[in-house]
Amino acid sequence: MQEESIRQVAAVPTLTGRDADRSALSTPLSQYSSAPTPVKVIDKHSLEYVVRSGIAGGLSGSAAKTLIAPLDRIKILFQTSNPEFLKYRGSFFGLFKAGQKILRNDGFFGLFQGHLVTLLRIFPYAAIKFVAYEQIRSILIPNDHYETAVLRFMAGSLSGLASVFLTYPLDLVRVRMAFQFHKCSDPSHHGILPYQHVRLWSVIRQVYAEHPPLKELDPRWLKFMRKKTPKPLIPLSNFYRGFGPTVLGMIPYAGVSFYVHDLLHDISRSKYFSKYLVSQSSTGSSGTKVVKVKHSTEHVNSRDSRKPLKAHAQLVAGGLAGMSSQTAAYPFEVIRRRMQVGGAVDSGRFLSFRNTAKLIFAESGMKGFFVGLLIGYLKVVPMVACSFYVYERGKLFLGI
């Protein structure tokens, strides 16, 4: 018995020198140390979080707008009743014919006319929108007990209002540039489309110089502002044409967009769909898990530590959010566009929200408020899907 035991011990090879070193290196690290994954704690209201979320938001907006820039140009031409494109409105194939006309007259870059201004506007716009949403949401919904549809809608609406107020003048200049056309096929349109050289600074100067005399039909707020505002500041009001319907439209647009997006995220994470739609990775590019908390556990929201959705699920959630928000806010957008180009088609005259709505209804009835909605869907669905996708992936990459 003792001899058999000795033979078993002798059968075990003894490692020395390099073999022993290799054996030690091949031993799992977990046998020597059970150190946890490093956790970096970031206050959601800190400057670091604001900067990172702002970068992710700005990049997401720029990517989304570049994706749909040609559709955006054509939609503006339809919405604002550009006389060169009236014959293409109202049909699906009119979209492609309008694109062919732009390519034929202005070349490929004509499809991106005004896009530089779009990027100058959309980066700060999207950055402010997403930063404001994260901050306002953390205040209105500090933990899971406050997760209600009303508060989600409010957070989205307030973030949209904050971003549009600060970037609206650039949006107006972009619309003016997209509305103007280099070559008119009908000579009678030259009086309606007087600007033949579409350049950023020339359009800004033109808008700034518009100062038509007050008329009886002008809105009351314009008359009051013209009387009380110092003369050097009066031209700045030209850059806020259509701001009223913009505010009215932004409330349902941003509110519905963020609400539907968050709702679809909740559904995707339910026990029935999570195994198909939720990614198993939850760490950023550095491999360090980030916990976003304040100084009290009462302000911890499970949303800040949840795993991301898979790519296809995120894109679908964003696309449906875009379709819902576009439907809710589209009539306000049509009115806003008509007000924005008022200076280009009516000697700089201001039209009030009510008068513009009456004009659209007189021209086309109720369907006039939904002109270009199909193009709007073709534009907004991929745009919002791309925007939310890039933002969520950008947050992961930046470690938040």
Protein backbone atom coordinates (compact mmCIF):
# COMPACT_ATOMS: atom_id res chain seq x y z
CA MET A 1 0.00 0.00 0.00
CA GLN A 2 2.80 2.36 0.89
CA GLU A 3 4.67 1.50 -2.35
CA GLU A 4 1.54 2.28 -4.46
CA SER A 5 1.22 5.68 -2.78
CA ILE A 6 4.86 6.46 -3.51
CA ARG A 7 4.38 5.55 -7.20
CA GLN A 8 1.38 7.95 -7.51
CA VAL A 9 3.40 10.84 -6.08
CA ALA A 10 6.32 10.05 -8.38
CA ALA A 11 3.98 10.10 -11.38
CA VAL A 12 3.23 13.78 -10.83
CA PRO A 13 5.84 15.77 -12.84
CA THR A 14 7.82 18.39 -10.99
CA LEU A 15 8.06 21.78 -12.76
CA THR A 16 11.21 23.78 -12.44
CA GLY A 17 12.70 26.86 -14.05
CA ARG A 18 10.83 28.18 -17.11
CA ASP A 19 8.15 25.50 -16.86
CA ALA A 20 7.24 26.68 -13.37
CA ASP A 21 7.08 30.28 -14.55
CA ARG A 22 4.81 29.37 -17.47
CA SER A 23 2.54 27.43 -15.17
CA ALA A 24 2.23 30.41 -12.86
CA LEU A 25 1.38 32.72 -15.77
CA SER A 26 -1.26 30.34 -17.09
CA THR A 27 -3.05 30.17 -13.74
CA PRO A 28 -6.28 32.21 -13.79
CA LEU A 29 -5.90 35.60 -12.16
CA SER A 30 -9.05 35.04 -10.16
CA GLN A 31 -7.18 32.43 -8.05
CA TYR A 32 -4.78 35.10 -6.79
CA SER A 33 -7.04 38.12 -6.61
CA SER A 34 -10.75 38.82 -6.52
CA ALA A 35 -10.47 42.57 -7.19
CA PRO A 36 -13.81 43.97 -8.45
CA THR A 37 -14.26 45.85 -11.71
CA PRO A 38 -13.25 49.48 -11.15
CA VAL A 39 -16.24 51.77 -10.71
CA LYS A 40 -16.04 55.46 -11.51
CA VAL A 41 -18.71 57.56 -9.86
CA ILE A 42 -19.89 60.58 -11.87
CA ASP A 43 -22.35 63.11 -10.52
CA LYS A 44 -24.95 63.59 -13.22
CA HIS A 45 -24.93 67.33 -12.58
CA SER A 46 -21.15 67.63 -12.84
CA LEU A 47 -19.39 69.52 -15.63
CA GLU A 48 -17.75 66.29 -16.81
CA TYR A 49 -21.10 64.61 -17.40
CA VAL A 50 -22.56 67.72 -19.07
CA VAL A 51 -19.60 68.01 -21.47
CA ARG A 52 -19.63 64.32 -22.38
CA SER A 53 -23.38 64.17 -22.92
CA GLY A 54 -23.19 67.41 -24.91
CA ILE A 55 -20.56 65.97 -27.26
CA ALA A 56 -22.61 62.80 -27.74
CA GLY A 57 -25.74 64.85 -28.41
CA GLY A 58 -24.05 67.22 -30.87
CA LEU A 59 -22.52 64.38 -32.87
CA SER A 60 -25.83 62.52 -32.96
CA GLY A 61 -27.65 65.54 -34.34
CA SER A 62 -24.98 66.22 -36.97
CA ALA A 63 -24.97 62.62 -38.18
CA ALA A 64 -28.76 62.49 -38.37
CA LYS A 65 -29.12 65.77 -40.27
CA THR A 66 -26.42 64.86 -42.78
CA LEU A 67 -28.23 61.59 -43.47
CA ILE A 68 -31.46 63.31 -44.53
CA ALA A 69 -30.19 66.68 -45.86
CA PRO A 70 -31.52 66.19 -49.45
CA LEU A 71 -34.99 65.28 -48.20
CA ASP A 72 -34.94 68.27 -45.88
CA ARG A 73 -34.22 70.64 -48.77
CA ILE A 74 -37.07 69.25 -50.88
CA LYS A 75 -39.50 69.29 -47.96
CA ILE A 76 -38.81 72.96 -47.27
CA LEU A 77 -39.41 73.80 -50.94
CA PHE A 78 -42.78 72.01 -50.75
CA GLN A 79 -43.84 73.43 -47.39
CA THR A 80 -43.11 77.03 -48.33
CA SER A 81 -44.96 76.78 -51.67
CA ASN A 82 -41.92 77.63 -53.76
CA PRO A 83 -43.46 78.40 -57.18
CA GLU A 84 -40.78 76.41 -58.99
CA PHE A 85 -41.89 73.22 -57.19
CA LEU A 86 -45.66 73.59 -56.78
CA LYS A 87 -46.31 71.13 -59.61
CA TYR A 88 -44.40 68.38 -57.79
CA ARG A 89 -46.36 68.59 -54.55
CA GLY A 90 -48.95 66.06 -53.51
CA SER A 91 -47.47 62.91 -55.04
CA PHE A 92 -44.86 60.41 -53.97
CA PHE A 93 -43.04 60.55 -57.30
CA GLY A 94 -43.02 64.33 -57.10
CA LEU A 95 -40.32 63.93 -54.48
CA PHE A 96 -37.99 62.27 -56.97
CA LYS A 97 -38.88 64.71 -59.76
CA ALA A 98 -38.07 67.62 -57.47
CA GLY A 99 -34.74 66.01 -56.64
CA GLN A 100 -33.99 65.57 -60.34
CA LYS A 101 -34.79 69.23 -60.98
CA ILE A 102 -32.38 70.33 -58.25
CA LEU A 103 -29.66 68.05 -59.61
CA ARG A 104 -30.20 69.33 -63.13
CA ASN A 105 -30.13 73.04 -62.24
CA ASP A 106 -27.87 73.23 -59.18
CA GLY A 107 -25.87 70.01 -59.30
CA PHE A 108 -25.30 67.46 -56.53
CA PHE A 109 -24.41 70.05 -53.92
CA GLY A 110 -27.74 71.76 -54.58
CA LEU A 111 -29.30 68.94 -52.55
CA PHE A 112 -27.21 70.12 -49.60
CA GLN A 113 -27.83 73.84 -50.06
CA GLY A 114 -27.95 75.44 -46.61
CA HIS A 115 -26.49 72.32 -44.96
CA LEU A 116 -23.48 74.21 -43.57
CA VAL A 117 -25.86 76.42 -41.64
CA THR A 118 -27.73 73.28 -40.61
CA LEU A 119 -24.58 71.81 -39.07
CA LEU A 120 -23.69 75.10 -37.38
CA ARG A 121 -27.15 75.06 -35.85
CA ILE A 122 -27.75 71.37 -35.23
CA PHE A 123 -24.61 70.62 -33.20
CA PRO A 124 -25.40 73.14 -30.44
CA TYR A 125 -29.13 72.44 -30.83
CA ALA A 126 -28.78 68.68 -30.32
CA ALA A 127 -26.15 69.14 -27.62
CA ILE A 128 -28.38 71.52 -25.66
CA LYS A 129 -31.44 69.32 -26.21
CA PHE A 130 -29.87 66.13 -24.87
CA VAL A 131 -28.00 67.86 -22.03
CA ALA A 132 -31.17 69.69 -21.01
CA TYR A 133 -33.17 66.47 -21.17
CA GLU A 134 -30.72 64.58 -18.98
CA GLN A 135 -30.58 67.40 -16.43
CA ILE A 136 -34.29 68.26 -16.39
CA ARG A 137 -35.21 64.58 -16.27
CA SER A 138 -32.93 63.96 -13.28
CA ILE A 139 -34.66 66.83 -11.45
CA LEU A 140 -38.24 65.90 -12.33
CA ILE A 141 -37.61 62.14 -12.03
CA PRO A 142 -34.91 61.67 -9.34
CA ASN A 143 -35.75 57.98 -8.85
CA ASP A 144 -37.99 55.24 -10.19
CA HIS A 145 -40.96 56.28 -8.01
CA TYR A 146 -41.38 59.43 -10.12
CA GLU A 147 -41.44 57.66 -13.50
CA THR A 148 -44.74 58.86 -14.96
CA ALA A 149 -45.88 59.66 -18.49
CA VAL A 150 -46.59 63.30 -17.61
CA LEU A 151 -43.13 63.95 -16.16
CA ARG A 152 -41.43 62.23 -19.09
CA PHE A 153 -43.43 64.38 -21.50
CA MET A 154 -42.60 67.54 -19.54
CA ALA A 155 -38.88 66.75 -19.48
CA GLY A 156 -38.83 66.27 -23.24
CA SER A 157 -40.85 69.41 -23.95
CA LEU A 158 -38.74 71.66 -21.71
CA SER A 159 -35.51 70.37 -23.22
CA GLY A 160 -36.83 71.06 -26.72
CA LEU A 161 -37.86 74.61 -25.79
CA ALA A 162 -34.45 75.36 -24.28
CA SER A 163 -32.59 74.20 -27.37
CA VAL A 164 -34.83 75.87 -29.96
CA PHE A 165 -34.78 79.26 -28.22
CA LEU A 166 -30.99 79.43 -28.35
CA THR A 167 -30.58 78.22 -31.94
CA TYR A 168 -33.67 79.54 -33.74
CA PRO A 169 -31.96 82.34 -35.74
CA LEU A 170 -29.69 79.83 -37.47
CA ASP A 171 -32.71 77.71 -38.35
CA LEU A 172 -34.40 80.69 -40.00
CA VAL A 173 -31.28 81.44 -42.07
CA ARG A 174 -31.09 77.77 -43.09
CA VAL A 175 -34.71 77.79 -44.27
CA ARG A 176 -34.13 80.97 -46.28
CA MET A 177 -31.12 79.42 -47.99
CA ALA A 178 -33.01 76.21 -48.75
CA PHE A 179 -36.02 78.15 -50.08
CA GLN A 180 -34.09 80.24 -52.59
CA PHE A 181 -33.34 78.78 -56.00
CA HIS A 182 -30.51 79.65 -58.36
CA LYS A 183 -32.42 79.37 -61.64
CA CYS A 184 -36.11 80.05 -62.24
CA SER A 185 -37.78 78.32 -65.18
CA ASP A 186 -40.62 80.87 -65.15
CA PRO A 187 -39.55 84.55 -65.54
CA SER A 188 -42.55 85.64 -63.46
CA HIS A 189 -41.01 83.94 -60.42
CA HIS A 190 -38.05 86.32 -60.30
CA GLY A 191 -40.13 88.83 -58.37
CA ILE A 192 -40.94 86.18 -55.77
CA LEU A 193 -37.45 84.68 -55.65
CA PRO A 194 -35.19 87.74 -55.86
CA TYR A 195 -32.04 86.29 -54.35
CA GLN A 196 -29.93 84.60 -56.99
CA HIS A 197 -26.68 84.15 -55.03
CA VAL A 198 -27.36 81.96 -52.02
CA ARG A 199 -24.54 82.64 -49.58
CA LEU A 200 -24.60 82.52 -45.81
CA TRP A 201 -23.53 86.06 -45.02
CA SER A 202 -25.58 87.60 -47.84
CA VAL A 203 -28.73 85.91 -46.51
CA ILE A 204 -27.96 87.05 -42.95
CA ARG A 205 -27.50 90.63 -44.13
CA GLN A 206 -30.70 90.44 -46.16
CA VAL A 207 -32.75 89.18 -43.20
CA TYR A 208 -31.20 91.80 -40.91
CA ALA A 209 -32.02 94.61 -43.37
CA GLU A 210 -35.69 93.69 -43.76
CA HIS A 211 -37.68 96.47 -42.11
CA PRO A 212 -41.11 96.85 -43.70
CA PRO A 213 -43.48 99.51 -42.36
CA LEU A 214 -46.04 98.39 -39.81
CA LYS A 215 -49.43 97.45 -41.24
CA GLU A 216 -52.84 97.06 -39.69
CA LEU A 217 -52.75 93.28 -40.06
CA ASP A 218 -49.38 92.91 -38.34
CA PRO A 219 -49.49 90.98 -35.04
CA ARG A 220 -49.83 92.98 -31.83
CA TRP A 221 -46.59 91.69 -30.35
CA LEU A 222 -44.71 93.02 -33.38
CA LYS A 223 -46.26 96.48 -33.08
CA PHE A 224 -45.48 96.58 -29.36
CA MET A 225 -41.91 95.42 -29.84
CA ARG A 226 -41.26 97.89 -32.66
CA LYS A 227 -42.43 100.76 -30.46
CA LYS A 228 -40.58 99.75 -27.27
CA THR A 229 -37.38 98.22 -28.63
CA PRO A 230 -34.36 100.46 -29.35
CA LYS A 231 -33.96 100.90 -33.10
CA PRO A 232 -30.53 99.18 -33.34
CA LEU A 233 -32.07 96.00 -31.88
CA ILE A 234 -35.25 95.94 -33.98
CA PRO A 235 -33.66 94.05 -36.94
CA LEU A 236 -32.88 91.14 -34.59
CA SER A 237 -36.61 90.40 -34.46
CA ASN A 238 -36.37 89.37 -38.12
CA PHE A 239 -34.43 86.29 -37.03
CA TYR A 240 -37.35 85.12 -34.87
CA ARG A 241 -40.04 85.01 -37.55
CA GLY A 242 -42.33 82.07 -36.83
CA PHE A 243 -41.00 81.57 -33.31
CA GLY A 244 -44.52 81.41 -31.85
CA PRO A 245 -45.62 78.31 -33.78
CA THR A 246 -42.16 76.87 -33.22
CA VAL A 247 -42.73 76.96 -29.48
CA LEU A 248 -46.23 75.52 -29.86
CA GLY A 249 -44.91 72.79 -32.15
CA MET A 250 -41.87 71.96 -30.02
CA ILE A 251 -43.98 71.10 -26.98
CA PRO A 252 -45.66 68.08 -28.62
CA TYR A 253 -42.68 67.25 -30.84
CA ALA A 254 -39.97 66.96 -28.19
CA GLY A 255 -42.38 65.74 -25.53
CA VAL A 256 -43.80 62.92 -27.65
CA SER A 257 -40.38 62.02 -29.06
CA PHE A 258 -38.68 61.47 -25.71
CA TYR A 259 -41.77 59.93 -24.12
CA VAL A 260 -42.28 57.33 -26.86
CA HIS A 261 -38.55 56.59 -26.95
CA ASP A 262 -38.41 55.93 -23.21
CA LEU A 263 -41.65 53.95 -23.32
CA LEU A 264 -40.32 51.65 -26.05
CA HIS A 265 -37.12 51.20 -24.04
CA ASP A 266 -39.21 50.04 -21.08
CA ILE A 267 -41.14 47.60 -23.27
CA SER A 268 -37.92 46.28 -24.81
CA ARG A 269 -36.54 45.59 -21.32
CA SER A 270 -39.60 43.68 -20.14
CA LYS A 271 -39.16 40.02 -19.28
CA TYR A 272 -40.79 38.99 -22.57
CA PHE A 273 -38.43 40.89 -24.88
CA SER A 274 -35.24 41.58 -22.93
CA LYS A 275 -33.44 38.41 -24.01
CA TYR A 276 -33.96 39.36 -27.66
CA LEU A 277 -33.54 43.14 -27.57
CA VAL A 278 -31.13 44.01 -24.72
CA SER A 279 -27.37 43.90 -25.19
CA GLN A 280 -25.26 42.12 -22.60
CA SER A 281 -22.55 44.80 -22.60
CA SER A 282 -22.90 47.81 -20.28
CA THR A 283 -19.40 49.23 -20.12
CA GLY A 284 -17.88 52.15 -21.96
CA SER A 285 -14.85 52.24 -24.21
CA SER A 286 -12.47 52.31 -21.25
CA GLY A 287 -13.92 49.14 -19.77
CA THR A 288 -14.76 51.01 -16.58
CA LYS A 289 -18.32 50.85 -15.42
CA VAL A 290 -19.78 54.27 -14.68
CA VAL A 291 -22.38 54.82 -12.01
CA LYS A 292 -24.20 58.13 -12.32
CA VAL A 293 -25.41 59.20 -8.89
CA LYS A 294 -25.82 62.28 -6.78
CA HIS A 295 -24.89 62.42 -3.13
CA SER A 296 -27.90 60.47 -1.89
CA THR A 297 -29.38 57.10 -2.76
CA GLU A 298 -32.75 58.85 -3.04
CA HIS A 299 -31.54 60.28 -6.35
CA VAL A 300 -30.51 56.98 -7.98
CA ASN A 301 -32.50 56.05 -11.08
CA SER A 302 -32.25 52.56 -12.59
CA ARG A 303 -32.21 54.21 -16.04
CA ASP A 304 -28.66 55.40 -15.37
CA SER A 305 -27.23 51.90 -14.97
CA ARG A 306 -29.31 49.85 -17.38
CA LYS A 307 -27.79 47.90 -20.25
CA PRO A 308 -28.17 49.33 -23.77
CA LEU A 309 -30.52 47.93 -26.37
CA LYS A 310 -29.22 46.02 -29.35
CA ALA A 311 -28.67 48.06 -32.50
CA HIS A 312 -31.84 47.02 -34.33
CA ALA A 313 -34.01 47.55 -31.24
CA GLN A 314 -32.56 51.02 -30.67
CA LEU A 315 -33.13 52.01 -34.30
CA VAL A 316 -36.75 50.80 -34.24
CA ALA A 317 -37.45 52.65 -30.98
CA GLY A 318 -35.99 55.85 -32.39
CA GLY A 319 -37.85 55.52 -35.69
CA LEU A 320 -41.24 55.03 -34.03
CA ALA A 321 -40.54 57.94 -31.70
CA GLY A 322 -39.79 60.11 -34.71
CA MET A 323 -42.96 59.09 -36.55
CA SER A 324 -45.14 59.79 -33.50
CA SER A 325 -43.62 63.19 -32.80
CA GLN A 326 -43.75 64.26 -36.46
CA THR A 327 -47.47 63.51 -36.67
CA ALA A 328 -48.22 65.45 -33.49
CA ALA A 329 -46.29 68.59 -34.45
CA TYR A 330 -46.45 68.76 -38.25
CA PRO A 331 -49.19 71.44 -38.66
CA PHE A 332 -47.17 73.81 -36.46
CA GLU A 333 -44.10 73.15 -38.57
CA VAL A 334 -45.91 74.05 -41.81
CA ILE A 335 -47.12 77.34 -40.31
CA ARG A 336 -43.65 78.09 -38.99
CA ARG A 337 -41.99 77.54 -42.37
CA ARG A 338 -44.44 79.86 -44.11
CA MET A 339 -43.81 82.56 -41.51
CA GLN A 340 -40.04 82.14 -41.82
CA VAL A 341 -40.00 82.80 -45.55
CA GLY A 342 -42.46 85.68 -45.31
CA GLY A 343 -39.68 88.20 -45.85
CA ALA A 344 -38.65 86.50 -49.08
CA VAL A 345 -42.08 86.32 -50.69
CA ASP A 346 -43.97 89.39 -49.45
CA SER A 347 -41.53 92.31 -49.26
CA GLY A 348 -40.44 91.43 -45.75
CA ARG A 349 -43.94 91.67 -44.26
CA PHE A 350 -44.61 89.83 -41.00
CA LEU A 351 -47.55 87.43 -40.88
CA SER A 352 -49.03 86.41 -37.55
CA PHE A 353 -49.65 82.80 -36.57
CA ARG A 354 -53.40 83.21 -37.12
CA ASN A 355 -53.08 84.99 -40.46
CA THR A 356 -50.61 82.41 -41.73
CA ALA A 357 -52.93 79.57 -40.71
CA LYS A 358 -55.82 81.31 -42.50
CA LEU A 359 -53.70 81.75 -45.61
CA ILE A 360 -52.73 78.07 -45.70
CA PHE A 361 -56.34 76.97 -45.13
CA ALA A 362 -57.59 79.30 -47.88
CA GLU A 363 -55.04 77.90 -50.33
CA SER A 364 -55.37 74.17 -49.67
CA GLY A 365 -57.84 73.47 -46.87
CA MET A 366 -56.92 71.12 -44.02
CA LYS A 367 -54.60 69.10 -46.21
CA GLY A 368 -52.45 72.21 -46.55
CA PHE A 369 -51.32 71.72 -42.96
CA PHE A 370 -49.98 68.28 -43.85
CA VAL A 371 -48.27 69.11 -47.15
CA GLY A 372 -45.05 67.12 -47.37
CA LEU A 373 -45.93 64.85 -44.43
CA LEU A 374 -44.88 61.77 -46.40
CA ILE A 375 -41.51 63.39 -47.01
CA GLY A 376 -41.57 64.30 -43.34
CA TYR A 377 -41.90 60.62 -42.43
CA LEU A 378 -39.17 59.64 -44.88
CA LYS A 379 -36.98 62.29 -43.29
CA VAL A 380 -37.85 62.14 -39.60
CA VAL A 381 -38.00 58.38 -39.08
CA PRO A 382 -34.37 57.70 -40.14
CA MET A 383 -33.23 61.02 -38.65
CA VAL A 384 -34.60 60.39 -35.15
CA ALA A 385 -33.58 56.73 -35.30
CA CYS A 386 -30.02 57.74 -36.23
CA SER A 387 -29.99 60.52 -33.63
CA PHE A 388 -31.01 58.35 -30.68
CA TYR A 389 -28.78 55.50 -31.83
CA VAL A 390 -25.66 57.66 -32.17
CA TYR A 391 -26.43 59.38 -28.86
CA GLU A 392 -26.84 56.14 -26.91
CA ARG A 393 -23.74 54.61 -28.48
CA GLY A 394 -21.87 57.88 -28.02
CA LYS A 395 -22.61 57.83 -24.31
CA LEU A 396 -21.22 54.32 -24.08
CA PHE A 397 -18.09 55.30 -26.00
CA LEU A 398 -17.54 58.37 -23.80
CA GLY A 399 -18.03 56.36 -20.64
CA ILE A 400 -21.37 57.67 -19.44
